[in-house]
Protein backbone atom coordinates (compact mmCIF):
# COMPACT_ATOMS: atom_id res chain seq x y z
CA MET A 1 -20.73 28.88 8.58
CA ARG A 2 -17.52 29.48 6.55
CA PHE A 3 -15.50 27.82 9.59
CA PHE A 4 -17.76 24.71 9.51
CA VAL A 5 -17.54 24.48 5.77
CA PHE A 6 -13.67 25.22 6.19
CA ILE A 7 -13.27 22.32 8.98
CA ALA A 8 -15.46 19.80 6.82
CA GLU A 9 -12.77 20.52 3.71
CA SER A 10 -10.04 20.07 5.75
CA PHE A 11 -10.97 16.74 7.20
CA LYS A 12 -11.65 15.79 3.54
CA ILE A 13 -8.15 16.84 2.55
CA ALA A 14 -6.58 15.08 5.64
CA PHE A 15 -8.55 11.68 4.76
CA GLU A 16 -7.63 11.84 1.06
CA ALA A 17 -3.61 12.08 2.25
CA LEU A 18 -4.31 9.16 4.72
CA ARG A 19 -5.81 7.18 2.01
CA ALA A 20 -2.79 8.20 -0.40
CA TYR A 21 -0.46 6.54 1.93
CA LYS A 22 -1.84 3.58 3.75
CA MET A 23 0.80 1.55 4.92
CA ARG A 24 2.79 4.59 5.95
CA SER A 25 0.05 5.81 8.04
CA LEU A 26 -0.74 2.57 9.50
CA LEU A 27 3.06 2.04 10.41
CA THR A 28 3.16 5.75 11.75
CA THR A 29 0.23 4.68 14.29
CA LEU A 30 2.31 1.68 15.68
CA GLY A 31 3.84 3.27 18.62
CA ILE A 32 0.09 5.13 19.41
CA VAL A 33 -1.21 1.34 19.50
CA ILE A 34 1.24 0.10 21.63
CA GLY A 35 1.00 3.09 23.98
CA VAL A 36 -2.57 3.33 24.59
CA THR A 37 -2.99 -0.66 24.30
CA THR A 38 -0.46 -0.73 27.29
CA VAL A 39 -2.22 1.72 29.33
CA ILE A 40 -5.50 0.88 29.04
CA THR A 41 -5.31 -2.26 29.33
CA ILE A 42 -2.97 -2.04 32.52
CA VAL A 43 -5.94 0.55 33.70
CA ALA A 44 -8.41 -1.89 33.32
CA LEU A 45 -6.67 -4.78 35.30
CA ILE A 46 -6.45 -2.56 37.92
CA GLN A 47 -9.84 -0.82 37.78
CA GLY A 48 -11.07 -4.74 37.90
CA LEU A 49 -8.56 -5.56 41.10
CA ASN A 50 -9.67 -2.41 42.79
CA LEU A 51 -13.28 -3.62 42.40
CA ALA A 52 -12.34 -7.20 43.30
CA PHE A 53 -10.54 -6.07 46.56
CA SER A 54 -13.39 -3.48 47.61
CA GLN A 55 -15.53 -6.24 47.19
CA GLN A 56 -13.78 -8.55 49.25
CA ILE A 57 -13.13 -5.83 51.86
CA SER A 58 -16.51 -5.59 52.44
CA LYS A 59 -16.97 -9.18 53.33
CA ILE A 60 -15.30 -8.32 56.59
CA GLY A 61 -17.93 -5.56 57.36
CA THR A 62 -17.98 -1.77 56.64
CA THR A 63 -19.20 -0.93 60.19
CA THR A 64 -17.19 -3.56 62.20
CA LEU A 65 -14.15 -3.00 64.30
CA PHE A 66 -11.80 -6.14 65.12
CA VAL A 67 -9.89 -5.47 68.31
CA SER A 68 -6.70 -8.20 68.32
CA LYS A 69 -3.37 -9.00 69.38
CA PHE A 70 -1.77 -8.28 66.27
CA PRO A 71 -2.37 -5.31 63.80
CA TRP A 72 -3.34 -6.27 60.35
CA VAL A 73 -0.63 -4.57 58.63
CA MET A 74 2.93 -5.49 60.03
CA GLY A 75 6.17 -6.22 59.02
CA ASP A 76 8.25 -9.32 59.96
CA LYS A 77 10.32 -7.75 62.52
CA GLU A 78 7.28 -6.35 64.39
CA TRP A 79 5.81 -9.57 64.44
CA PHE A 80 8.53 -10.50 66.99
CA LEU A 81 7.68 -7.35 69.07
CA PHE A 82 3.73 -8.00 68.94
CA ARG A 83 3.79 -11.66 69.95
CA ASN A 84 4.90 -10.62 73.60
CA ARG A 85 1.77 -8.52 73.94
CA PRO A 86 -0.60 -10.33 76.40
CA ASN A 87 -3.67 -12.04 75.32
CA ILE A 88 -7.25 -10.73 74.85
CA SER A 89 -9.30 -12.57 77.07
CA LEU A 90 -12.98 -13.57 76.97
CA GLN A 91 -13.45 -11.15 79.60
CA ASP A 92 -12.45 -8.28 77.74
CA ALA A 93 -15.08 -8.80 75.29
CA GLU A 94 -17.90 -9.16 77.88
CA GLU A 95 -16.79 -6.09 79.70
CA ILE A 96 -16.99 -4.39 76.30
CA LYS A 97 -20.42 -5.14 75.76
CA LYS A 98 -21.58 -4.28 79.15
CA MET A 99 -19.51 -0.81 79.02
CA SER A 100 -19.83 0.01 75.22
CA LYS A 101 -22.04 3.08 74.45
CA VAL A 102 -21.59 2.90 70.42
CA ALA A 103 -21.54 -1.07 69.79
CA ILE A 104 -24.87 -2.94 69.00
CA ALA A 105 -22.75 -6.37 68.87
CA VAL A 106 -19.77 -7.24 70.47
CA ALA A 107 -18.76 -10.97 69.61
CA PRO A 108 -15.39 -12.78 70.62
CA THR A 109 -13.83 -15.01 68.40
CA LEU A 110 -11.42 -18.10 68.31
CA TYR A 111 -10.27 -19.37 65.27
CA THR A 112 -8.47 -23.20 64.70
CA ARG A 113 -8.40 -25.46 61.51
CA ARG A 114 -9.69 -29.10 62.18
CA ASN A 115 -10.99 -31.69 59.68
CA ALA A 116 -14.72 -32.38 59.47
CA GLU A 117 -16.08 -36.05 58.91
CA TYR A 118 -19.47 -37.48 58.26
CA LEU A 119 -20.13 -41.28 57.85
CA GLU A 120 -17.01 -41.92 55.53
CA ARG A 121 -16.64 -38.53 53.97
CA THR A 122 -14.11 -36.12 55.25
CA THR A 123 -13.02 -32.42 54.36
CA GLU A 124 -9.53 -30.97 55.57
CA ARG A 125 -8.84 -27.97 57.26
CA VAL A 126 -11.87 -26.41 57.86
CA THR A 127 -12.15 -23.19 59.69
CA VAL A 128 -13.66 -23.77 63.05
CA VAL A 129 -15.08 -20.38 64.37
CA GLY A 130 -16.03 -20.38 68.22
CA THR A 131 -18.19 -17.10 69.21
CA THR A 132 -21.10 -16.09 70.54
CA ALA A 133 -24.73 -15.10 69.03
CA ASP A 134 -23.56 -11.64 67.91
CA TYR A 135 -21.51 -13.30 65.40
CA MET A 136 -23.98 -13.37 63.00
CA LEU A 137 -24.20 -9.56 63.08
CA THR A 138 -20.72 -8.66 63.21
CA SER A 139 -19.42 -11.10 60.38
CA ASN A 140 -22.76 -10.76 58.59
CA ILE A 141 -23.42 -14.47 58.41
CA LEU A 142 -27.15 -15.14 57.62
CA PRO A 143 -28.63 -18.73 58.01
CA GLU A 144 -30.04 -20.08 54.51
CA LEU A 145 -31.02 -23.42 56.10
CA GLY A 146 -31.92 -23.93 59.53
CA ARG A 147 -30.99 -21.28 62.27
CA PHE A 148 -27.79 -19.37 63.95
CA MET A 149 -26.86 -20.32 67.52
CA SER A 150 -28.59 -18.63 70.14
CA GLU A 151 -27.19 -16.87 73.39
CA THR A 152 -28.72 -19.95 75.44
CA ASP A 153 -26.84 -22.47 72.73
CA VAL A 154 -23.48 -20.32 74.04
CA THR A 155 -24.58 -20.26 77.76
CA HIS A 156 -25.16 -23.80 78.04
CA ARG A 157 -22.29 -24.88 75.63
CA ARG A 158 -24.27 -27.26 73.45
CA PRO A 159 -22.35 -29.14 70.76
CA ILE A 160 -23.97 -27.24 67.89
CA CYS A 161 -22.62 -26.13 64.78
CA VAL A 162 -23.43 -23.78 61.54
CA LEU A 163 -21.80 -24.95 58.60
CA GLY A 164 -20.46 -23.10 55.46
CA GLN A 165 -21.40 -24.25 52.01
CA ASP A 166 -18.38 -25.56 51.04
CA VAL A 167 -18.61 -27.97 54.20
CA VAL A 168 -21.56 -28.85 53.35
CA LYS A 169 -21.28 -29.70 49.86
CA SER A 170 -18.16 -31.86 50.66
CA LEU A 171 -19.68 -34.07 53.59
CA PHE A 172 -23.26 -34.08 52.42
CA LYS A 173 -23.55 -33.64 48.80
CA GLU A 174 -27.54 -33.93 48.21
CA GLU A 175 -28.54 -34.61 51.62
CA ASP A 176 -30.30 -32.65 54.01
CA PRO A 177 -27.51 -31.33 56.57
CA ILE A 178 -29.77 -30.23 59.41
CA GLY A 179 -29.97 -32.47 62.18
CA GLN A 180 -27.26 -34.75 61.41
CA ARG A 181 -24.24 -35.22 63.43
CA ILE A 182 -20.75 -34.16 62.23
CA LEU A 183 -17.34 -34.77 63.81
CA LEU A 184 -14.76 -31.29 64.08
CA GLY A 185 -11.32 -32.55 65.17
CA GLY A 186 -12.58 -35.79 66.60
CA ARG A 187 -15.25 -34.08 68.52
CA LYS A 188 -19.09 -34.66 67.82
CA PHE A 189 -21.35 -31.57 67.03
CA LYS A 190 -24.73 -31.33 65.66
CA VAL A 191 -25.59 -29.14 62.62
CA ILE A 192 -28.30 -26.74 63.45
CA GLY A 193 -27.67 -24.18 60.20
CA VAL A 194 -26.24 -23.74 57.05
CA ALA A 195 -24.61 -20.16 56.43
CA GLU A 196 -25.33 -18.27 53.19
CA LYS A 197 -22.45 -18.46 50.57
CA LYS A 198 -19.97 -15.80 51.36
CA GLY A 199 -17.48 -16.69 48.59
CA ALA A 200 -13.89 -16.03 49.12
CA MET A 201 -11.50 -13.40 50.49
CA PHE A 202 -7.64 -13.06 49.17
CA GLY A 203 -7.87 -16.49 47.47
CA GLU A 204 -9.40 -18.30 50.15
CA SER A 205 -12.99 -19.49 50.68
CA MET A 206 -15.14 -18.08 53.49
CA ASP A 207 -17.26 -21.01 52.93
CA ASN A 208 -15.28 -23.66 54.68
CA MET A 209 -15.97 -22.87 58.05
CA ALA A 210 -17.93 -23.93 61.34
CA VAL A 211 -19.28 -21.85 63.58
CA ILE A 212 -19.58 -23.42 67.03
CA PRO A 213 -20.63 -21.94 70.53
CA ILE A 214 -16.88 -20.32 72.37
CA GLY A 215 -17.81 -22.04 75.23
CA ILE A 216 -17.30 -25.56 73.91
CA PHE A 217 -14.46 -24.44 71.31
CA GLN A 218 -12.29 -23.84 74.92
CA THR A 219 -13.40 -27.26 76.07
CA ALA A 220 -12.55 -28.87 72.99
CA TYR A 221 -9.65 -27.38 71.70
CA GLY A 222 -8.02 -25.66 74.44
CA ALA A 223 -7.84 -21.60 75.43
CA ARG A 224 -4.98 -21.14 77.69
CA TRP A 225 -2.50 -19.70 74.90
CA ARG A 226 -5.08 -18.31 72.77
CA SER A 227 -5.60 -14.64 72.28
CA VAL A 228 -9.32 -13.74 71.79
CA ASP A 229 -10.13 -11.65 68.55
CA ILE A 230 -13.03 -9.49 69.31
CA GLU A 231 -15.37 -7.88 66.65
CA VAL A 232 -17.38 -4.54 67.41
CA LYS A 233 -20.12 -3.93 65.38
CA VAL A 234 -21.73 -0.24 65.16
CA GLU A 235 -24.65 0.85 63.67
CA ARG A 236 -23.21 3.47 60.82
CA PRO A 237 -19.77 3.58 58.91
CA GLU A 238 -19.76 7.91 60.61
CA GLN A 239 -19.57 6.09 64.39
CA LEU A 240 -16.30 4.23 63.65
CA GLU A 241 -14.18 6.63 65.21
CA ASP A 242 -16.21 7.53 68.09
CA ALA A 243 -16.05 3.54 68.26
CA GLU A 244 -12.50 3.21 68.08
CA ILE A 245 -11.74 5.98 70.50
CA GLU A 246 -14.14 4.05 73.24
CA LEU A 247 -12.21 0.86 72.62
CA THR A 248 -9.01 2.37 73.04
CA GLY A 249 -10.13 3.83 75.89
CA LEU A 250 -11.58 0.67 77.41
CA MET A 251 -8.99 -1.90 76.72
CA ARG A 252 -6.31 0.85 78.20
CA ARG A 253 -8.15 0.87 81.33
CA PHE A 254 -8.76 -2.89 81.30
CA ARG A 255 -5.30 -3.07 81.09
CA GLY A 256 -4.08 -0.68 83.38
CA LEU A 257 -1.88 0.98 80.87
CA LYS A 258 -0.48 4.71 82.24
CA GLY A 259 -0.69 7.71 79.80
CA ASP A 260 2.80 7.56 78.54
CA GLU A 261 2.68 3.62 77.59
CA GLU A 262 1.71 2.75 74.39
CA ASP A 263 -1.10 0.44 73.34
CA ASN A 264 -0.64 -3.66 73.89
CA PHE A 265 -3.33 -4.05 71.43
CA ALA A 266 -4.38 -3.30 67.84
CA ILE A 267 -8.03 -2.09 66.68
CA ASN A 268 -8.05 -2.68 63.02
CA GLN A 269 -10.97 -2.44 60.24
CA GLN A 270 -10.96 -2.45 56.74
CA SER A 271 -9.92 0.95 55.80
CA MET A 272 -6.42 -0.36 56.84
CA LEU A 273 -6.40 -3.32 54.47
CA LEU A 274 -7.73 -0.61 51.52
CA ASP A 275 -4.82 1.87 52.50
CA THR A 276 -1.89 -0.90 52.08
CA TYR A 277 -3.55 -2.09 49.05
CA LYS A 278 -3.58 1.73 47.29
CA LYS A 279 -0.09 1.80 48.05
CA LEU A 280 1.04 -1.26 46.34
CA THR A 281 -1.45 -0.71 43.49
CA GLY A 282 0.61 2.82 43.22
CA THR A 283 3.45 1.09 42.09
CA LEU A 284 1.43 -0.32 39.10
CA TRP A 285 -0.03 2.91 38.24
CA ALA A 286 3.78 4.49 38.05
CA VAL A 287 4.29 1.32 35.47
CA ALA A 288 1.25 2.03 33.80
CA ILE A 289 2.21 5.81 33.15
CA GLY A 290 5.82 5.11 32.53
CA VAL A 291 5.59 2.30 29.69
CA GLY A 292 2.77 4.50 28.33
CA ALA A 293 4.44 7.43 28.16
CA ILE A 294 7.67 6.43 26.57
CA SER A 295 5.29 4.31 23.91
CA LEU A 296 2.98 7.43 23.02
CA VAL A 297 6.09 9.87 22.81
CA VAL A 298 7.75 7.42 20.71
CA GLY A 299 4.61 7.23 18.52
CA GLY A 300 4.36 10.79 19.09
CA ILE A 301 7.59 11.24 17.48
CA GLY A 302 6.65 9.25 14.59
CA ILE A 303 3.86 11.01 13.96
CA MET A 304 5.81 14.05 13.83
CA ASN A 305 8.36 12.75 11.24
CA ILE A 306 5.97 11.52 9.06
CA MET A 307 4.10 15.20 9.03
CA LEU A 308 7.39 16.80 8.26
CA VAL A 309 7.91 14.34 5.26
CA SER A 310 3.90 15.14 4.25
CA VAL A 311 4.96 18.60 4.41
CA THR A 312 7.99 18.28 2.33
CA GLU A 313 6.15 16.38 -0.29
CA ARG A 314 3.51 18.60 -0.71
CA THR A 315 5.42 22.07 -0.51
CA ARG A 316 4.05 22.85 -4.29
CA GLU A 317 0.40 22.08 -3.30
CA ILE A 318 0.81 24.22 0.00
CA GLY A 319 2.23 26.94 -2.45
CA ILE A 320 -0.99 26.81 -4.98
CA ARG A 321 -3.29 26.91 -2.11
CA LYS A 322 -1.54 30.08 -0.83
CA ALA A 323 -1.38 31.58 -4.27
CA ILE A 324 -4.91 31.24 -4.23
CA GLY A 325 -5.94 32.71 -1.34
CA ALA A 326 -5.46 30.25 1.99
CA ARG A 327 -4.47 31.60 4.85
CA ARG A 328 -1.77 30.43 7.16
CA PHE A 329 -4.22 29.57 9.83
CA ASP A 330 -6.29 27.32 6.92
CA ILE A 331 -2.84 25.37 6.15
CA MET A 332 -1.96 24.74 10.05
CA MET A 333 -5.57 23.66 10.43
CA GLN A 334 -5.09 21.33 7.39
CA PHE A 335 -2.18 19.54 8.73
CA LEU A 336 -3.00 19.29 12.69
CA ILE A 337 -6.45 18.01 11.52
CA GLU A 338 -4.13 15.29 9.48
CA SER A 339 -2.10 14.94 12.59
CA MET A 340 -4.85 14.15 14.84
CA LEU A 341 -6.66 11.63 12.49
CA ILE A 342 -3.75 9.55 12.16
CA CYS A 343 -3.36 9.65 16.08
CA ALA A 344 -6.89 8.89 16.74
CA LEU A 345 -6.16 5.73 13.88
CA GLY A 346 -3.52 4.53 16.25
CA VAL A 347 -5.99 5.12 19.33
CA LEU A 348 -9.01 3.42 18.32
CA ILE A 349 -6.80 0.57 17.11
CA GLY A 350 -5.27 0.73 20.78
CA VAL A 351 -8.23 0.83 22.29
CA GLY A 352 -9.91 -1.81 20.55
CA ILE A 353 -7.25 -4.00 21.26
CA ALA A 354 -6.88 -3.08 24.89
CA VAL A 355 -10.85 -4.11 25.29
CA ALA A 356 -10.12 -7.46 23.79
CA LEU A 357 -7.07 -8.21 25.94
CA ALA A 358 -8.84 -7.02 29.08
CA LYS A 359 -11.76 -9.42 28.38
CA ALA A 360 -9.75 -12.43 27.44
CA ILE A 361 -7.41 -11.89 30.72
CA ALA A 362 -10.85 -11.68 32.60
CA LYS A 363 -12.05 -15.01 30.96
CA LEU A 364 -9.00 -17.09 30.96
CA THR A 365 -7.42 -16.07 34.14
CA PRO A 366 -7.83 -15.52 37.94
CA LEU A 367 -7.19 -11.92 37.42
CA PRO A 368 -10.37 -9.49 36.74
CA ALA A 369 -9.96 -6.71 34.24
CA ALA A 370 -12.95 -3.76 33.85
CA ILE A 371 -13.46 -1.83 31.39
CA THR A 372 -15.07 1.59 32.71
CA PRO A 373 -16.75 4.51 30.10
CA TRP A 374 -14.31 6.82 31.15
CA VAL A 375 -11.54 5.06 29.05
CA ALA A 376 -13.43 6.44 26.04
CA LEU A 377 -12.49 10.13 27.55
CA LEU A 378 -8.97 8.74 28.23
CA GLY A 379 -8.73 7.79 24.60
CA LEU A 380 -10.09 11.43 23.39
CA GLY A 381 -7.57 13.04 25.60
CA PHE A 382 -4.62 10.74 23.99
CA VAL A 383 -5.90 12.06 20.76
CA VAL A 384 -6.09 15.45 21.27
CA THR A 385 -2.91 15.86 23.41
CA ILE A 386 -0.45 13.90 21.12
CA GLY A 387 -2.08 15.18 17.85
CA LEU A 388 -1.88 18.71 18.97
CA PHE A 389 1.56 18.49 20.47
CA PHE A 390 3.35 16.70 17.92
CA GLY A 391 1.36 18.11 14.89
CA ILE A 392 2.03 21.92 16.03
CA TYR A 393 5.66 21.91 14.42
CA PRO A 394 5.07 20.47 11.02
CA ALA A 395 1.56 22.48 10.65
CA SER A 396 3.57 25.50 11.70
CA LYS A 397 6.36 24.94 9.08
CA ALA A 398 4.18 24.16 6.39
CA ALA A 399 1.91 27.24 7.23
CA ARG A 400 5.02 29.78 7.41
CA LEU A 401 6.52 28.25 3.73
CA ASN A 402 6.74 31.47 1.06
CA PRO A 403 4.40 30.77 -1.45
CA ILE A 404 6.45 32.10 -4.40
CA GLU A 405 9.49 29.26 -3.16
CA ALA A 406 6.70 26.62 -2.77
CA LEU A 407 5.43 27.08 -6.16
CA ARG A 408 9.50 26.42 -7.45
CA TYR A 409 9.57 23.33 -5.44
CA GLU A 410 9.73 20.08 -7.63
């Protein structure tokens, strides 16, 4: 009970001291405010970017592997080496579908950009995807209106298409697109379905697309010089490693590669993009920690200086308290609590400004920002760490004062 009374009394004395020197206390916290605001704002931006990136990456497919000529992550110099690799063929995809024991869907894909036209309306640079019926599973593209293309559509090379939301909105406005005929790069296609909205990935809309059978794609837009990308879907994420090993073995067998020869193809998955992204954001974390640490150290030194001034100004008060029975521990705790209160004031102001800044940035710019609950724990950590570290020396100096000499101090 005595301890709690002592703590309460120490807080009361500390509050009185802060109230007596309002401006000085506020200026002392300025360094802490700047440091906390910087750290929490950058943390909020990084957290927001992480969340947005994870959501975008999930659209690629968490259980899908991509067999390609090029790896997703490579340097400019490497591109010149990879471009000489042999193209992946439609036959490779057909063999993988026959022989794979892990895959539940295999979709060969070809891409091009073409203008889409309907009556007098045109939308430019639509991504035209030539693929098979399995593409609905591998890329998680579900029809919102109409239907997706079937194996029969693909086998008979029917001139049909499934459109993304952006293309429908641009070409048809309020008109029902199902059954209408459009031009894709000058070739006529019948609209049989409209895909659900997918949103954007890496700043590019995934709804500005048209999906057509791969056979008619090859006829309409050429196939001789194009390399096929193969999307391979497994049932569960834990099967991805087995699927990668299986696909590597199959592709090496198709290409007649010997044991000591390197792969001349790439097997990509979303984890590769996540790893690259983490390396990039690691630099942002380092900047945040560096800038924040400098500001917090400056703020902490400011707190220590002010506390030393406070000890000097209140030397006589310390002497009186010691003369009537206050222990060294009591004096030390009084000044430590005062140091932590000053720090807490700076942290509260800094957190408030950071939250407001993060919300303003998220609202006014394309940059996402996320304030997570653990920001409160981060702020509490700042209070305890800085308040104790920079308050311990002034507090110990006050506690060591000789009561007789302190009483003589004017």
